[in-house]
């Protein structure tokens, strides 16, 4: 009888954990780095400020409607007060995690780079960038950030082989 009660309690505990565990383990994006590469600033409530808010809002609302990449502009396309923005989510994450990451990026970038007309923020799951200059279809080598990992491959030879195959296929 005691064994049966113990088993029932164990099963009930497992069911409760399954029900509440998604709420407990909801994935949060992991912040990595940010840059405010431009020294140009704007004043609150200026035309650029309003355009930036519209751009960030558009990026956030479109984060789940795309394939993980989206760009948008607000204001005159080449004007001084134009705000150009883009987002890029990692290809192996869910659309909801992409949106969560973009939301965190939008909230944090304006705090980390207050009143800056150009900023970039990286998370493990996404990257968000905005600027007052054209950044679409423009090849740029700067800014450069190296984001290493403290994790080691459990099987370095298998990892190096897989990496070599991947790089070879990318070259082709």
Protein backbone atom coordinates (compact mmCIF):
# COMPACT_ATOMS: atom_id res chain seq x y z
CA UNK A 1 0.00 0.00 0.00
CA UNK A 2 2.79 2.44 0.93
CA UNK A 3 4.62 1.59 -2.28
CA UNK A 4 1.49 2.32 -4.32
CA UNK A 5 1.02 5.67 -2.58
CA UNK A 6 4.68 6.51 -3.17
CA UNK A 7 4.36 5.66 -6.86
CA UNK A 8 1.21 7.78 -7.21
CA UNK A 9 2.98 10.71 -5.53
CA UNK A 10 5.97 10.32 -7.83
CA UNK A 11 3.76 10.30 -10.94
CA UNK A 12 1.77 13.29 -9.70
CA UNK A 13 5.02 15.20 -9.02
CA UNK A 14 6.29 14.42 -12.51
CA UNK A 15 3.05 15.68 -14.07
CA UNK A 16 3.16 18.91 -12.05
CA UNK A 17 6.78 19.49 -13.08
CA UNK A 18 5.91 18.98 -16.74
CA UNK A 19 3.07 21.47 -16.48
CA UNK A 20 5.03 24.23 -14.76
CA UNK A 21 8.53 23.65 -16.19
CA UNK A 22 7.97 25.60 -19.45
CA UNK A 23 7.09 28.64 -17.34
CA UNK A 24 10.16 28.20 -15.17
CA UNK A 25 12.60 27.47 -17.99
CA UNK A 26 11.35 30.04 -20.52
CA UNK A 27 14.39 30.90 -22.55
CA UNK A 28 15.78 34.37 -22.16
CA UNK A 29 18.28 35.76 -24.65
CA UNK A 30 21.89 35.94 -23.47
CA UNK A 31 23.45 39.40 -23.83
CA UNK A 32 26.96 39.37 -25.30
CA UNK A 33 28.14 42.86 -26.29
CA UNK A 34 27.15 46.24 -27.65
CA UNK A 35 28.82 49.11 -29.45
CA UNK A 36 27.98 52.76 -29.94
CA UNK A 37 30.46 53.39 -32.80
CA UNK A 38 29.31 56.86 -33.83
CA UNK A 39 29.76 59.99 -31.78
CA UNK A 40 26.70 61.67 -33.32
CA UNK A 41 23.95 62.19 -30.81
CA UNK A 42 20.33 63.28 -30.91
CA UNK A 43 18.09 65.09 -28.50
CA UNK A 44 14.98 63.51 -27.00
CA UNK A 45 11.76 64.28 -28.88
CA UNK A 46 13.72 65.28 -32.01
CA UNK A 47 12.78 64.06 -35.48
CA UNK A 48 15.50 61.38 -35.29
CA UNK A 49 14.25 60.24 -31.89
CA UNK A 50 10.75 59.77 -33.28
CA UNK A 51 12.09 57.99 -36.37
CA UNK A 52 14.25 55.71 -34.21
CA UNK A 53 11.25 54.77 -32.05
CA UNK A 54 9.25 53.96 -35.22
CA UNK A 55 12.15 51.89 -36.61
CA UNK A 56 12.61 49.89 -33.40
CA UNK A 57 8.86 49.35 -33.16
CA UNK A 58 8.78 48.05 -36.74
CA UNK A 59 11.72 45.72 -36.08
CA UNK A 60 9.98 44.31 -33.02
CA UNK A 61 6.61 43.83 -34.70
CA UNK A 62 8.19 42.11 -37.70
CA UNK A 63 10.56 39.82 -35.75
CA UNK A 64 8.18 36.86 -36.02
CA UNK A 65 6.97 37.56 -39.55
CA UNK A 66 10.32 37.03 -41.24
CA UNK A 67 12.91 34.34 -41.75
CA UNK A 68 15.06 35.86 -39.02
CA UNK A 69 16.15 38.95 -40.94
CA UNK A 70 14.34 42.23 -41.36
CA UNK A 71 15.32 45.79 -42.16
CA UNK A 72 13.35 49.01 -42.13
CA UNK A 73 13.70 52.78 -42.26
CA UNK A 74 11.75 55.68 -40.84
CA UNK A 75 12.02 59.27 -41.99
CA UNK A 76 13.43 60.62 -45.23
CA UNK A 77 15.46 57.81 -46.82
CA UNK A 78 18.73 59.72 -47.11
CA UNK A 79 17.81 62.57 -44.77
CA UNK A 80 19.75 63.65 -41.73
CA UNK A 81 16.98 62.40 -39.43
CA UNK A 82 16.42 59.01 -41.09
CA UNK A 83 16.64 55.98 -38.78
CA UNK A 84 17.66 52.74 -40.52
CA UNK A 85 17.49 49.50 -38.59
CA UNK A 86 17.95 45.79 -39.06
CA UNK A 87 17.66 42.61 -37.07
CA UNK A 88 19.18 39.20 -37.56
CA UNK A 89 18.17 36.17 -35.52
CA UNK A 90 20.07 32.90 -35.43
CA UNK A 91 18.59 30.42 -37.86
CA UNK A 92 18.13 27.63 -35.33
CA UNK A 93 15.94 29.46 -32.81
CA UNK A 94 12.16 29.68 -32.63
CA UNK A 95 10.27 32.72 -33.86
CA UNK A 96 9.12 33.43 -30.30
CA UNK A 97 12.72 33.42 -29.02
CA UNK A 98 13.67 35.67 -31.93
CA UNK A 99 10.97 38.13 -30.91
CA UNK A 100 12.02 37.89 -27.25
CA UNK A 101 15.61 38.65 -28.24
CA UNK A 102 14.62 41.57 -30.47
CA UNK A 103 12.44 42.95 -27.67
CA UNK A 104 15.36 42.78 -25.23
CA UNK A 105 17.61 44.38 -27.85
CA UNK A 106 15.20 47.26 -28.48
CA UNK A 107 14.82 47.90 -24.76
CA UNK A 108 18.50 47.66 -23.90
CA UNK A 109 20.19 49.36 -26.84
CA UNK A 110 18.62 52.74 -26.11
CA UNK A 111 19.77 52.46 -22.49
CA UNK A 112 23.28 51.25 -23.33
CA UNK A 113 23.77 53.83 -26.10
CA UNK A 114 21.60 56.74 -24.94
CA UNK A 115 20.94 59.39 -27.58
CA UNK A 116 23.39 57.78 -30.02
CA UNK A 117 22.54 57.89 -33.72
CA UNK A 118 24.24 54.56 -34.30
CA UNK A 119 24.33 51.41 -32.17
CA UNK A 120 24.68 47.63 -32.39
CA UNK A 121 23.80 45.03 -29.78
CA UNK A 122 24.60 41.33 -29.87
CA UNK A 123 22.95 38.50 -28.02
CA UNK A 124 23.68 34.80 -28.51
CA UNK A 125 20.35 34.56 -30.33
CA UNK A 126 20.17 37.82 -32.33
CA UNK A 127 21.77 41.07 -33.40
CA UNK A 128 20.09 44.45 -33.78
CA UNK A 129 21.59 47.52 -35.42
CA UNK A 130 20.40 51.02 -36.18
CA UNK A 131 22.01 54.07 -37.74
CA UNK A 132 21.23 57.48 -39.18
CA UNK A 133 23.19 56.54 -42.31
CA UNK A 134 22.57 53.94 -44.96
CA UNK A 135 23.54 50.48 -43.69
CA UNK A 136 21.61 48.31 -46.15
CA UNK A 137 23.53 46.47 -48.89
CA UNK A 138 26.72 48.14 -47.70
CA UNK A 139 29.77 45.97 -47.06
CA UNK A 140 31.51 47.07 -43.89
CA UNK A 141 34.41 45.53 -42.02
CA UNK A 142 33.94 47.72 -38.97
CA UNK A 143 32.93 47.52 -36.25
CA UNK A 144 34.53 44.19 -35.52
CA UNK A 145 33.84 42.24 -32.36
CA UNK A 146 35.20 38.81 -31.52
CA UNK A 147 32.80 36.86 -29.36
CA UNK A 148 34.57 33.75 -28.18
CA UNK A 149 33.16 30.84 -26.29
CA UNK A 150 34.41 29.45 -23.01
CA UNK A 151 32.98 26.05 -23.95
CA UNK A 152 35.23 23.36 -25.33
CA UNK A 153 34.23 20.78 -27.90
CA UNK A 154 33.74 17.42 -26.20
CA UNK A 155 35.33 15.72 -29.21
CA UNK A 156 37.80 18.20 -30.81
CA UNK A 157 38.72 15.99 -33.79
CA UNK A 158 35.06 15.43 -34.70
CA UNK A 159 34.39 19.17 -34.25
CA UNK A 160 37.35 20.14 -36.46
CA UNK A 161 36.24 17.68 -39.15
CA UNK A 162 32.67 19.03 -39.10
CA UNK A 163 34.00 22.60 -39.14
CA UNK A 164 36.28 21.81 -42.08
CA UNK A 165 33.39 20.26 -44.01
CA UNK A 166 31.18 23.26 -43.28
CA UNK A 167 33.84 25.77 -44.37
CA UNK A 168 34.52 23.76 -47.51
CA UNK A 169 30.86 23.73 -48.46
CA UNK A 170 30.59 27.48 -47.77
CA UNK A 171 33.54 28.17 -50.08
CA UNK A 172 31.88 26.17 -52.85
